[in-house]
Amino acid sequence: MLWLLFGLLLLFYLPWTWGGHLPPEFWIKQTIIFVLLVGVYYLNSLVIVPHVLQRNRFLNFVLAAILVSVFVTYLAQSTEKVLHLQELMDKAGQQRRIENRPERPVIDMFMLLMSFLVMGISTSIAAVQNWQRDARERQLLEQQKVSSELSLLKAQINPHFFFNTLNNIYALTHIDIESSRNALHKLSRMMRYVLYETQAPMTFLSKEVSFVVDYIELMKLRLTDKVKVKFDPPEIVHDLEIAPMLLLPFVENAFKHGISSFEPGYISISIRADDKSLELDMRNSIYSQNRTILEEGSGIGMSNTRRRLDLLYPERYKLEIAENRDAGEFRVSLKIFLL
């Protein structure tokens, strides 16, 4: 459409404003000039720019642009001579015969400038298109890198969770066979969720909460009456989508460090959700011999979860971790802005 507009306006419409009758040879020349300029554009865009300019051969590019423009100007002037256009225009009355009329210049400056203009436009558009193509390729590579890293992080989190859980069930088999069977049933349901429901980048919050509930019930089977566990589930009106296996490492960390075989303790987990955000507030008791800091020694799952948050929700989450040694409490507050 741009070429059509260019041809109609510059090469065909303007001559009509001159008035008088124009010979057919004039339109032949205009058409040839139009074809030459189109050829200059694509020759520069498809050959000269990618093979010369983009390889940092700036001087060679300038020389090529000059040679192409001069050659096209020469072809246009040769076409005019072959068609005897000057004489035909004189006969048509477009130019008055003037004695001692100055000779025509060797180089048609208008055609030369037009060729340079087309070369400049072609170079600019080709450079922009190349930049956009490189940007898309970089974005695609970055997406592939992030996707690969997320897959690796998920693969590291899941075995970490199952190893701990299997150890708990193994210990339970020596105490209560029936409870261990129930635990295996819950674990199989959780494994089904991990293997089949978390392959997609996102899962529903209701499924993630159900998974957390199964995990809590599984952990409570081995707890004594000294440990109090409170879970406040969210009221899900509109089911949201979140990254799978994102809340488990925090819950797992609380059960790992928030209970003791000799001292009383507590774990409080609260999940709240609305149409735009998800909040997790978790508190658990800590003991002098069992210090818990997220960045230090709290397992592979916790550090990977922070990395997943950085990748999946960049600048869209708030994670606050506080440890009150005097009160013997460890708190994690996470808010994710989903929209």
Protein backbone atom coordinates (compact mmCIF):
# COMPACT_ATOMS: atom_id res chain seq x y z
CA MET A 1 0.00 0.00 0.00
CA LEU A 2 2.87 2.40 0.74
CA TRP A 3 4.50 1.63 -2.59
CA LEU A 4 1.18 2.20 -4.35
CA LEU A 5 0.75 5.53 -2.58
CA PHE A 6 4.32 6.54 -3.39
CA GLY A 7 3.93 5.65 -7.06
CA LEU A 8 0.60 7.39 -7.51
CA LEU A 9 1.62 10.55 -5.69
CA LEU A 10 5.18 11.17 -6.81
CA LEU A 11 5.41 9.57 -10.22
CA PHE A 12 1.88 9.77 -11.59
CA TYR A 13 -0.22 12.33 -9.77
CA LEU A 14 2.26 15.24 -9.83
CA PRO A 15 2.80 15.13 -13.63
CA TRP A 16 -0.94 15.64 -14.12
CA THR A 17 -0.64 19.01 -12.40
CA TRP A 18 1.67 20.25 -15.13
CA GLY A 19 -1.17 20.51 -17.57
CA GLY A 20 -1.16 19.77 -21.28
CA HIS A 21 -0.81 16.49 -23.07
CA LEU A 22 1.90 14.09 -21.99
CA PRO A 23 3.22 11.56 -24.50
CA PRO A 24 2.95 7.83 -23.67
CA GLU A 25 6.75 7.61 -23.48
CA PHE A 26 6.63 9.84 -20.42
CA TRP A 27 4.50 7.30 -18.52
CA ILE A 28 6.79 4.51 -19.65
CA LYS A 29 9.74 6.38 -18.17
CA GLN A 30 7.83 7.08 -14.92
CA THR A 31 6.94 3.39 -14.60
CA ILE A 32 10.57 2.36 -15.20
CA ILE A 33 11.74 4.85 -12.56
CA PHE A 34 9.18 3.46 -10.13
CA VAL A 35 10.38 -0.11 -10.76
CA LEU A 36 14.01 0.99 -10.34
CA LEU A 37 13.27 2.64 -6.98
CA VAL A 38 11.42 -0.45 -5.77
CA GLY A 39 14.42 -2.54 -6.83
CA VAL A 40 16.79 -0.18 -4.98
CA TYR A 41 14.70 -0.49 -1.84
CA TYR A 42 14.67 -4.28 -1.73
CA LEU A 43 18.25 -4.66 -2.96
CA ASN A 44 19.37 -2.52 -0.06
CA SER A 45 16.97 -4.09 2.46
CA LEU A 46 17.60 -7.74 1.60
CA VAL A 47 21.23 -7.73 0.43
CA ILE A 48 23.29 -4.65 1.27
CA VAL A 49 22.09 -4.00 4.83
CA PRO A 50 22.25 -7.59 6.16
CA HIS A 51 25.49 -8.54 4.35
CA VAL A 52 27.37 -5.27 4.63
CA LEU A 53 26.01 -2.82 7.22
CA GLN A 54 25.06 -5.40 9.85
CA ARG A 55 28.56 -6.84 9.62
CA ASN A 56 29.99 -3.47 10.67
CA ARG A 57 31.33 -2.62 7.22
CA PHE A 58 30.13 0.96 7.29
CA LEU A 59 32.53 2.33 4.67
CA ASN A 60 31.62 -0.45 2.24
CA PHE A 61 27.95 0.30 2.86
CA VAL A 62 28.41 3.99 2.01
CA LEU A 63 30.28 3.11 -1.17
CA ALA A 64 27.60 0.59 -2.16
CA ALA A 65 24.85 3.16 -1.57
CA ILE A 66 26.62 5.72 -3.74
CA LEU A 67 27.26 3.23 -6.54
CA VAL A 68 23.67 1.95 -6.56
CA SER A 69 22.22 5.46 -6.56
CA VAL A 70 24.52 6.62 -9.38
CA PHE A 71 23.77 3.50 -11.41
CA VAL A 72 20.00 3.91 -11.03
CA THR A 73 20.27 7.57 -12.00
CA TYR A 74 22.27 6.60 -15.10
CA LEU A 75 19.63 4.01 -16.07
CA ALA A 76 16.87 6.58 -15.69
CA GLN A 77 18.71 9.09 -17.89
CA SER A 78 19.51 6.39 -20.44
CA THR A 79 15.86 5.44 -20.58
CA GLU A 80 14.94 9.04 -21.29
CA LYS A 81 17.45 9.19 -24.15
CA VAL A 82 16.33 5.88 -25.65
CA LEU A 83 12.72 7.02 -25.62
CA HIS A 84 13.69 10.47 -27.06
CA LEU A 85 11.54 11.90 -24.32
CA GLN A 86 13.06 15.38 -24.41
CA GLU A 87 12.09 15.92 -28.03
CA LEU A 88 8.63 14.46 -27.48
CA MET A 89 8.05 16.74 -24.50
CA ASP A 90 9.10 19.74 -26.55
CA LYS A 91 6.68 18.79 -29.28
CA ALA A 92 3.92 18.34 -26.76
CA GLY A 93 4.44 21.91 -25.64
CA GLN A 94 5.56 21.11 -22.12
CA GLN A 95 8.74 23.15 -22.59
CA ARG A 96 9.17 26.23 -24.71
CA ARG A 97 11.97 26.17 -27.22
CA ILE A 98 14.57 28.60 -26.05
CA GLU A 99 17.61 29.40 -28.08
CA ASN A 100 20.89 28.63 -26.47
CA ARG A 101 19.14 26.50 -23.87
CA PRO A 102 21.77 25.25 -21.35
CA GLU A 103 22.73 21.65 -21.71
CA ARG A 104 21.17 19.15 -19.32
CA PRO A 105 23.41 18.23 -16.40
CA VAL A 106 25.41 15.03 -16.59
CA ILE A 107 23.71 13.74 -13.44
CA ASP A 108 20.00 14.15 -12.78
CA MET A 109 20.20 15.47 -9.21
CA PHE A 110 16.50 14.91 -8.57
CA MET A 111 16.78 11.23 -9.45
CA LEU A 112 20.02 10.90 -7.49
CA LEU A 113 18.45 12.43 -4.38
CA MET A 114 15.39 10.25 -4.82
CA SER A 115 17.61 7.16 -4.89
CA PHE A 116 19.43 8.29 -1.74
CA LEU A 117 16.07 8.91 -0.06
CA VAL A 118 14.83 5.41 -0.89
CA MET A 119 18.14 3.94 0.32
CA GLY A 120 17.81 5.83 3.60
CA ILE A 121 14.23 4.72 4.17
CA SER A 122 15.15 1.14 3.30
CA THR A 123 18.11 1.19 5.69
CA SER A 124 16.02 2.60 8.53
CA ILE A 125 13.21 0.08 8.12
CA ALA A 126 15.63 -2.84 7.74
CA ALA A 127 17.50 -1.77 10.89
CA VAL A 128 14.27 -1.51 12.89
CA GLN A 129 13.07 -4.89 11.63
CA ASN A 130 16.41 -6.46 12.50
CA TRP A 131 16.27 -4.94 15.99
CA GLN A 132 12.73 -6.25 16.48
CA ARG A 133 13.76 -9.70 15.27
CA ASP A 134 16.72 -9.78 17.64
CA ALA A 135 14.49 -8.60 20.49
CA ARG A 136 11.97 -11.39 19.79
CA GLU A 137 14.76 -13.97 19.67
CA ARG A 138 16.22 -12.70 22.96
CA GLN A 139 12.78 -12.77 24.55
CA LEU A 140 12.18 -16.31 23.30
CA LEU A 141 15.55 -17.46 24.61
CA GLU A 142 14.84 -15.81 27.96
CA GLN A 143 11.43 -17.50 28.15
CA GLN A 144 13.01 -20.86 27.35
CA LYS A 145 15.67 -20.24 29.99
CA VAL A 146 13.09 -19.30 32.62
CA SER A 147 10.90 -22.28 31.68
CA SER A 148 13.86 -24.65 31.98
CA GLU A 149 14.88 -23.15 35.30
CA LEU A 150 11.35 -23.40 36.67
CA SER A 151 11.15 -27.05 35.61
CA LEU A 152 14.43 -27.72 37.35
CA LEU A 153 13.28 -25.95 40.51
CA LYS A 154 10.03 -27.93 40.57
CA ALA A 155 11.96 -31.15 40.07
CA GLN A 156 14.12 -30.24 43.06
CA ILE A 157 11.18 -29.31 45.29
CA ASN A 158 9.09 -32.42 44.70
CA PRO A 159 11.67 -35.10 45.64
CA HIS A 160 12.65 -33.02 48.65
CA PHE A 161 9.05 -33.14 49.88
CA PHE A 162 8.51 -36.82 49.19
CA PHE A 163 11.72 -37.92 50.85
CA ASN A 164 10.66 -36.19 54.07
CA THR A 165 7.12 -37.58 53.87
CA LEU A 166 8.23 -41.14 53.24
CA ASN A 167 10.54 -40.95 56.22
CA ASN A 168 7.59 -39.90 58.37
CA ILE A 169 5.41 -42.76 57.11
CA TYR A 170 8.24 -45.23 57.67
CA ALA A 171 8.50 -44.10 61.28
CA LEU A 172 4.71 -44.37 61.65
CA THR A 173 4.65 -48.03 60.52
CA HIS A 174 6.40 -48.99 63.75
CA ILE A 175 3.69 -47.35 65.83
CA ASP A 176 0.30 -47.61 64.11
CA ILE A 177 -0.29 -49.78 61.04
CA GLU A 178 -3.79 -48.42 60.35
CA SER A 179 -2.61 -44.83 60.53
CA SER A 180 0.27 -45.62 58.22
CA ARG A 181 -2.22 -47.04 55.68
CA ASN A 182 -4.25 -43.85 55.83
CA ALA A 183 -1.05 -41.90 55.44
CA LEU A 184 -0.11 -43.89 52.35
CA HIS A 185 -3.55 -43.24 50.88
CA LYS A 186 -3.15 -39.50 51.41
CA LEU A 187 0.35 -39.61 50.00
CA SER A 188 -0.84 -41.42 46.87
CA ARG A 189 -3.48 -38.72 46.37
CA MET A 190 -0.83 -36.06 46.81
CA MET A 191 1.51 -37.83 44.37
CA ARG A 192 -1.29 -37.96 41.82
CA TYR A 193 -1.69 -34.20 42.17
CA VAL A 194 2.04 -33.60 41.77
CA LEU A 195 2.45 -35.94 38.80
CA TYR A 196 -0.66 -35.01 36.82
CA GLU A 197 -1.97 -31.67 38.05
CA THR A 198 1.24 -29.66 38.27
CA GLN A 199 2.55 -30.22 34.75
CA ALA A 200 0.86 -27.04 33.61
CA PRO A 201 2.40 -23.68 34.60
CA MET A 202 -0.67 -22.83 36.69
CA THR A 203 -3.18 -24.70 38.83
CA PHE A 204 -6.34 -23.70 40.66
CA LEU A 205 -6.03 -22.39 44.19
CA SER A 206 -8.66 -24.87 45.41
CA LYS A 207 -6.49 -27.80 44.30
CA GLU A 208 -3.40 -26.29 45.87
CA VAL A 209 -5.25 -25.75 49.16
CA SER A 210 -6.54 -29.33 49.09
CA PHE A 211 -2.97 -30.49 48.61
CA VAL A 212 -1.82 -28.43 51.61
CA VAL A 213 -4.69 -29.85 53.71
CA ASP A 214 -3.62 -33.41 52.85
CA TYR A 215 -0.07 -32.57 53.81
CA ILE A 216 -1.13 -31.08 57.14
CA GLU A 217 -3.31 -34.09 57.94
CA LEU A 218 -0.44 -36.35 57.02
CA MET A 219 1.94 -34.51 59.32
CA LYS A 220 -0.55 -34.43 62.19
CA LEU A 221 -0.57 -38.23 62.30
CA ARG A 222 2.84 -38.26 63.92
CA LEU A 223 2.40 -35.27 66.23
CA THR A 224 1.82 -35.49 69.95
CA ASP A 225 -0.77 -33.58 71.95
CA LYS A 226 1.91 -31.03 72.84
CA VAL A 227 1.77 -29.56 69.34
CA LYS A 228 -1.25 -27.51 68.32
CA VAL A 229 -1.94 -27.10 64.62
CA LYS A 230 -4.39 -24.52 63.34
CA PHE A 231 -5.26 -24.09 59.69
CA ASP A 232 -7.50 -21.32 58.42
CA PRO A 233 -8.39 -22.05 54.77
CA PRO A 234 -9.48 -19.32 52.37
CA GLU A 235 -13.04 -18.70 51.29
CA ILE A 236 -12.78 -19.34 47.57
CA VAL A 237 -15.53 -17.49 45.74
CA HIS A 238 -13.77 -17.23 42.39
CA ASP A 239 -11.13 -19.89 41.90
CA LEU A 240 -7.78 -18.26 41.15
CA GLU A 241 -4.79 -19.66 39.31
CA ILE A 242 -1.40 -19.83 41.01
CA ALA A 243 1.86 -21.63 40.40
CA PRO A 244 1.67 -25.22 41.69
CA MET A 245 3.67 -26.40 44.70
CA LEU A 246 4.30 -22.81 45.72
CA LEU A 247 2.90 -22.85 49.27
CA LEU A 248 4.11 -26.28 50.34
CA PRO A 249 7.76 -25.39 51.15
CA PHE A 250 6.61 -22.78 53.68
CA VAL A 251 4.23 -25.24 55.33
CA GLU A 252 6.84 -27.98 55.23
CA ASN A 253 9.39 -25.66 56.82
CA ALA A 254 7.00 -24.94 59.71
CA PHE A 255 6.54 -28.65 60.43
CA LYS A 256 10.24 -29.26 60.12
CA HIS A 257 11.34 -26.56 62.55
CA GLY A 258 8.19 -25.72 64.52
CA ILE A 259 7.73 -28.90 66.53
CA SER A 260 9.70 -30.65 69.25
CA SER A 261 9.56 -34.09 70.79
CA PHE A 262 9.99 -32.68 74.30
CA GLU A 263 8.52 -29.16 74.37
CA PRO A 264 5.06 -27.86 73.49
CA GLY A 265 4.70 -25.99 70.25
CA TYR A 266 2.23 -24.65 67.75
CA ILE A 267 1.79 -24.08 64.03
CA SER A 268 -0.73 -21.56 62.72
CA ILE A 269 -1.42 -21.33 58.99
CA SER A 270 -3.82 -18.85 57.43
CA ILE A 271 -4.53 -18.43 53.73
CA ARG A 272 -6.64 -15.57 52.43
CA ALA A 273 -7.55 -14.81 48.85
CA ASP A 274 -9.56 -12.29 46.88
CA ASP A 275 -9.93 -11.52 43.18
CA LYS A 276 -6.50 -9.91 42.92
CA SER A 277 -4.18 -11.31 45.56
CA LEU A 278 -3.27 -14.29 47.71
CA GLU A 279 -1.93 -14.01 51.25
CA LEU A 280 -0.23 -16.61 53.40
CA ASP A 281 0.40 -15.91 57.07
CA MET A 282 2.22 -18.62 58.99
CA ARG A 283 3.53 -18.74 62.53
CA ASN A 284 5.29 -21.53 64.31
CA SER A 285 7.19 -21.99 67.52
CA ILE A 286 10.97 -22.19 67.48
CA TYR A 287 13.39 -23.63 69.93
CA SER A 288 16.88 -22.67 70.99
CA GLN A 289 18.38 -25.82 69.51
CA ASN A 290 16.44 -25.50 66.25
CA ARG A 291 17.00 -22.06 64.78
CA THR A 292 15.18 -21.38 61.53
CA ILE A 293 16.14 -18.80 58.94
CA LEU A 294 14.84 -19.00 55.38
CA GLU A 295 18.16 -18.23 53.72
CA GLU A 296 20.20 -20.52 55.95
CA GLY A 297 19.95 -24.23 56.29
CA SER A 298 16.21 -24.58 55.83
CA GLY A 299 16.44 -27.00 52.96
CA ILE A 300 16.53 -26.94 49.21
CA GLY A 301 12.77 -26.34 48.92
CA MET A 302 12.68 -22.96 50.63
CA SER A 303 15.49 -21.33 48.68
CA ASN A 304 14.05 -22.66 45.43
CA THR A 305 10.63 -21.28 46.33
CA ARG A 306 12.08 -17.80 46.69
CA ARG A 307 13.71 -18.23 43.28
CA ARG A 308 10.41 -19.39 41.77
CA LEU A 309 8.69 -16.34 43.20
CA ASP A 310 11.30 -14.11 41.55
CA LEU A 311 10.73 -15.80 38.20
CA LEU A 312 6.96 -16.18 38.26
CA TYR A 313 5.92 -13.01 40.08
CA PRO A 314 8.69 -10.45 39.57
CA GLU A 315 7.95 -7.33 41.63
CA ARG A 316 4.48 -8.74 42.30
CA TYR A 317 5.02 -10.36 45.67
CA LYS A 318 6.02 -9.40 49.19
CA LEU A 319 7.78 -11.90 51.42
CA GLU A 320 8.46 -10.98 55.02
CA ILE A 321 10.31 -13.30 57.38
CA ALA A 322 10.63 -12.48 61.06
CA GLU A 323 12.14 -14.41 63.92
CA ASN A 324 11.33 -13.36 67.48
CA ARG A 325 13.71 -15.21 69.76
CA ASP A 326 12.22 -13.70 72.90
CA ALA A 327 8.71 -14.86 72.06
CA GLY A 328 9.98 -18.09 70.52
CA GLU A 329 8.09 -17.49 67.28
CA PHE A 330 8.96 -17.66 63.61
CA ARG A 331 6.66 -15.91 61.14
CA VAL A 332 6.35 -15.93 57.37
CA SER A 333 4.09 -13.46 55.58
CA LEU A 334 3.66 -13.82 51.83
CA LYS A 335 1.43 -11.74 49.58
CA ILE A 336 1.20 -12.39 45.86
CA PHE A 337 -0.49 -9.93 43.52
CA LEU A 338 -2.05 -12.20 40.92
CA LEU A 339 -3.44 -9.47 38.66
